[in-house]
Amino acid sequence: MTIFLLLATSALSIATAPFAGEARPAATPSSQSIEAGTRAPTAQRVTRYCVVNQVTGSRIPRRTCKTRADWLADEGVDPLAKAD
């Protein structure tokens, strides 16, 4: 049974190998998408601050990322303030 599975998977990989490397023609962007891209303003990058919490009973730490305004509004904590 194991030999059959090995032979079947190897035959399948050999049969599909020629199709994996097929070259496709590159898509040409339409003039409409180019115009929309040049007129759109660039978005401001929002700085997010992440806090990693160790949860008791779990080996996976929880990472919470928010903007400074969200930290102040939700938790009342300033992420840029120095910890004593």
C-alpha atoms as a PDB file:
ATOM      1  CA  MET A   1       0.000   0.000   0.000  1.00  0.00           C
ATOM      2  CA  THR A   2       2.814   2.412   0.880  1.00  0.00           C
ATOM      3  CA  ILE A   3       4.655   1.642  -2.355  1.00  0.00           C
ATOM      4  CA  PHE A   4       1.467   2.325  -4.310  1.00  0.00           C
ATOM      5  CA  LEU A   5       1.093   5.741  -2.647  1.00  0.00           C
ATOM      6  CA  LEU A   6       4.723   6.603  -3.354  1.00  0.00           C
ATOM      7  CA  LEU A   7       4.401   5.601  -6.995  1.00  0.00           C
ATOM      8  CA  ALA A   8       1.125   7.481  -7.408  1.00  0.00           C
ATOM      9  CA  THR A   9       2.467  10.716  -5.916  1.00  0.00           C
ATOM     10  CA  SER A  10       5.689  10.561  -7.904  1.00  0.00           C
ATOM     11  CA  ALA A  11       3.759   9.919 -11.130  1.00  0.00           C
ATOM     12  CA  LEU A  12       1.473  12.846 -10.372  1.00  0.00           C
ATOM     13  CA  SER A  13       4.378  15.182  -9.659  1.00  0.00           C
ATOM     14  CA  ILE A  14       6.147  14.147 -12.862  1.00  0.00           C
ATOM     15  CA  ALA A  15       2.965  14.587 -14.892  1.00  0.00           C
ATOM     16  CA  THR A  16       2.292  18.102 -13.584  1.00  0.00           C
ATOM     17  CA  ALA A  17       5.902  19.357 -13.683  1.00  0.00           C
ATOM     18  CA  PRO A  18       5.772  20.698 -17.280  1.00  0.00           C
ATOM     19  CA  PHE A  19       2.751  22.849 -16.438  1.00  0.00           C
ATOM     20  CA  ALA A  20       4.248  24.410 -13.317  1.00  0.00           C
ATOM     21  CA  GLY A  21       6.817  26.432 -15.233  1.00  0.00           C
ATOM     22  CA  GLU A  22       4.586  27.715 -18.021  1.00  0.00           C
ATOM     23  CA  ALA A  23       5.204  31.330 -18.878  1.00  0.00           C
ATOM     24  CA  ARG A  24       2.194  33.594 -19.011  1.00  0.00           C
ATOM     25  CA  PRO A  25       2.141  36.899 -20.851  1.00  0.00           C
ATOM     26  CA  ALA A  26       2.407  39.900 -18.573  1.00  0.00           C
ATOM     27  CA  ALA A  27      -0.807  41.821 -18.095  1.00  0.00           C
ATOM     28  CA  THR A  28      -0.712  45.309 -19.548  1.00  0.00           C
ATOM     29  CA  PRO A  29      -2.248  47.935 -17.276  1.00  0.00           C
ATOM     30  CA  SER A  30      -5.150  49.824 -18.750  1.00  0.00           C
ATOM     31  CA  SER A  31      -4.950  53.585 -19.143  1.00  0.00           C
ATOM     32  CA  GLN A  32      -7.871  53.983 -16.762  1.00  0.00           C
ATOM     33  CA  SER A  33      -6.018  52.289 -13.895  1.00  0.00           C
ATOM     34  CA  ILE A  34      -2.892  54.357 -14.574  1.00  0.00           C
ATOM     35  CA  GLU A  35      -4.888  57.601 -14.402  1.00  0.00           C
ATOM     36  CA  ALA A  36      -6.579  56.548 -11.191  1.00  0.00           C
ATOM     37  CA  GLY A  37      -3.216  55.654  -9.678  1.00  0.00           C
ATOM     38  CA  THR A  38      -1.654  59.024 -10.465  1.00  0.00           C
ATOM     39  CA  ARG A  39      -4.586  61.057  -9.176  1.00  0.00           C
ATOM     40  CA  ALA A  40      -5.016  59.186  -5.907  1.00  0.00           C
ATOM     41  CA  PRO A  41      -3.320  60.873  -2.940  1.00  0.00           C
ATOM     42  CA  THR A  42      -0.796  58.818  -1.042  1.00  0.00           C
ATOM     43  CA  ALA A  43      -2.075  57.503   2.257  1.00  0.00           C
ATOM     44  CA  GLN A  44      -0.409  58.653   5.445  1.00  0.00           C
ATOM     45  CA  ARG A  45       1.387  55.837   7.215  1.00  0.00           C
ATOM     46  CA  VAL A  46      -0.188  55.236  10.616  1.00  0.00           C
ATOM     47  CA  THR A  47       2.227  54.270  13.376  1.00  0.00           C
ATOM     48  CA  ARG A  48       1.001  51.365  15.451  1.00  0.00           C
ATOM     49  CA  TYR A  49       2.428  50.363  18.809  1.00  0.00           C
ATOM     50  CA  CYS A  50       2.415  46.688  19.801  1.00  0.00           C
ATOM     51  CA  VAL A  51       2.343  45.184  23.288  1.00  0.00           C
ATOM     52  CA  VAL A  52       3.133  41.517  23.894  1.00  0.00           C
ATOM     53  CA  ASN A  53       1.314  39.937  26.857  1.00  0.00           C
ATOM     54  CA  GLN A  54       2.094  36.539  28.348  1.00  0.00           C
ATOM     55  CA  VAL A  55      -1.175  34.770  29.125  1.00  0.00           C
ATOM     56  CA  THR A  56      -1.172  32.489  32.162  1.00  0.00           C
ATOM     57  CA  GLY A  57      -1.699  28.879  31.125  1.00  0.00           C
ATOM     58  CA  SER A  58      -0.657  29.434  27.522  1.00  0.00           C
ATOM     59  CA  ARG A  59       2.676  29.246  25.757  1.00  0.00           C
ATOM     60  CA  ILE A  60       1.504  31.547  22.997  1.00  0.00           C
ATOM     61  CA  PRO A  61       1.944  35.246  23.790  1.00  0.00           C
ATOM     62  CA  ARG A  62      -0.794  37.653  22.704  1.00  0.00           C
ATOM     63  CA  ARG A  63       0.271  40.615  20.606  1.00  0.00           C
ATOM     64  CA  THR A  64      -1.994  43.668  20.543  1.00  0.00           C
ATOM     65  CA  CYS A  65      -1.246  46.487  18.098  1.00  0.00           C
ATOM     66  CA  LYS A  66      -3.073  49.838  18.123  1.00  0.00           C
ATOM     67  CA  THR A  67      -2.439  53.440  17.230  1.00  0.00           C
ATOM     68  CA  ARG A  68      -1.478  55.861  19.994  1.00  0.00           C
ATOM     69  CA  ALA A  69      -4.952  57.417  19.929  1.00  0.00           C
ATOM     70  CA  ASP A  70      -6.569  53.983  20.263  1.00  0.00           C
ATOM     71  CA  TRP A  71      -4.343  53.081  23.230  1.00  0.00           C
ATOM     72  CA  LEU A  72      -5.290  56.328  24.968  1.00  0.00           C
ATOM     73  CA  ALA A  73      -9.002  55.924  24.218  1.00  0.00           C
ATOM     74  CA  ASP A  74      -9.358  52.207  25.027  1.00  0.00           C
ATOM     75  CA  GLU A  75      -6.864  51.572  27.820  1.00  0.00           C
ATOM     76  CA  GLY A  76      -5.954  55.047  29.045  1.00  0.00           C
ATOM     77  CA  VAL A  77      -2.281  54.144  28.538  1.00  0.00           C
ATOM     78  CA  ASP A  78       0.242  56.185  26.603  1.00  0.00           C
ATOM     79  CA  PRO A  79       2.489  53.721  24.733  1.00  0.00           C
ATOM     80  CA  LEU A  80       5.252  56.333  24.471  1.00  0.00           C
ATOM     81  CA  ALA A  81       5.389  57.060  28.214  1.00  0.00           C
ATOM     82  CA  LYS A  82       8.413  55.669  30.041  1.00  0.00           C
ATOM     83  CA  ALA A  83       7.720  52.821  32.451  1.00  0.00           C
ATOM     84  CA  ASP A  84       9.070  53.351  35.969  1.00  0.00           C
END
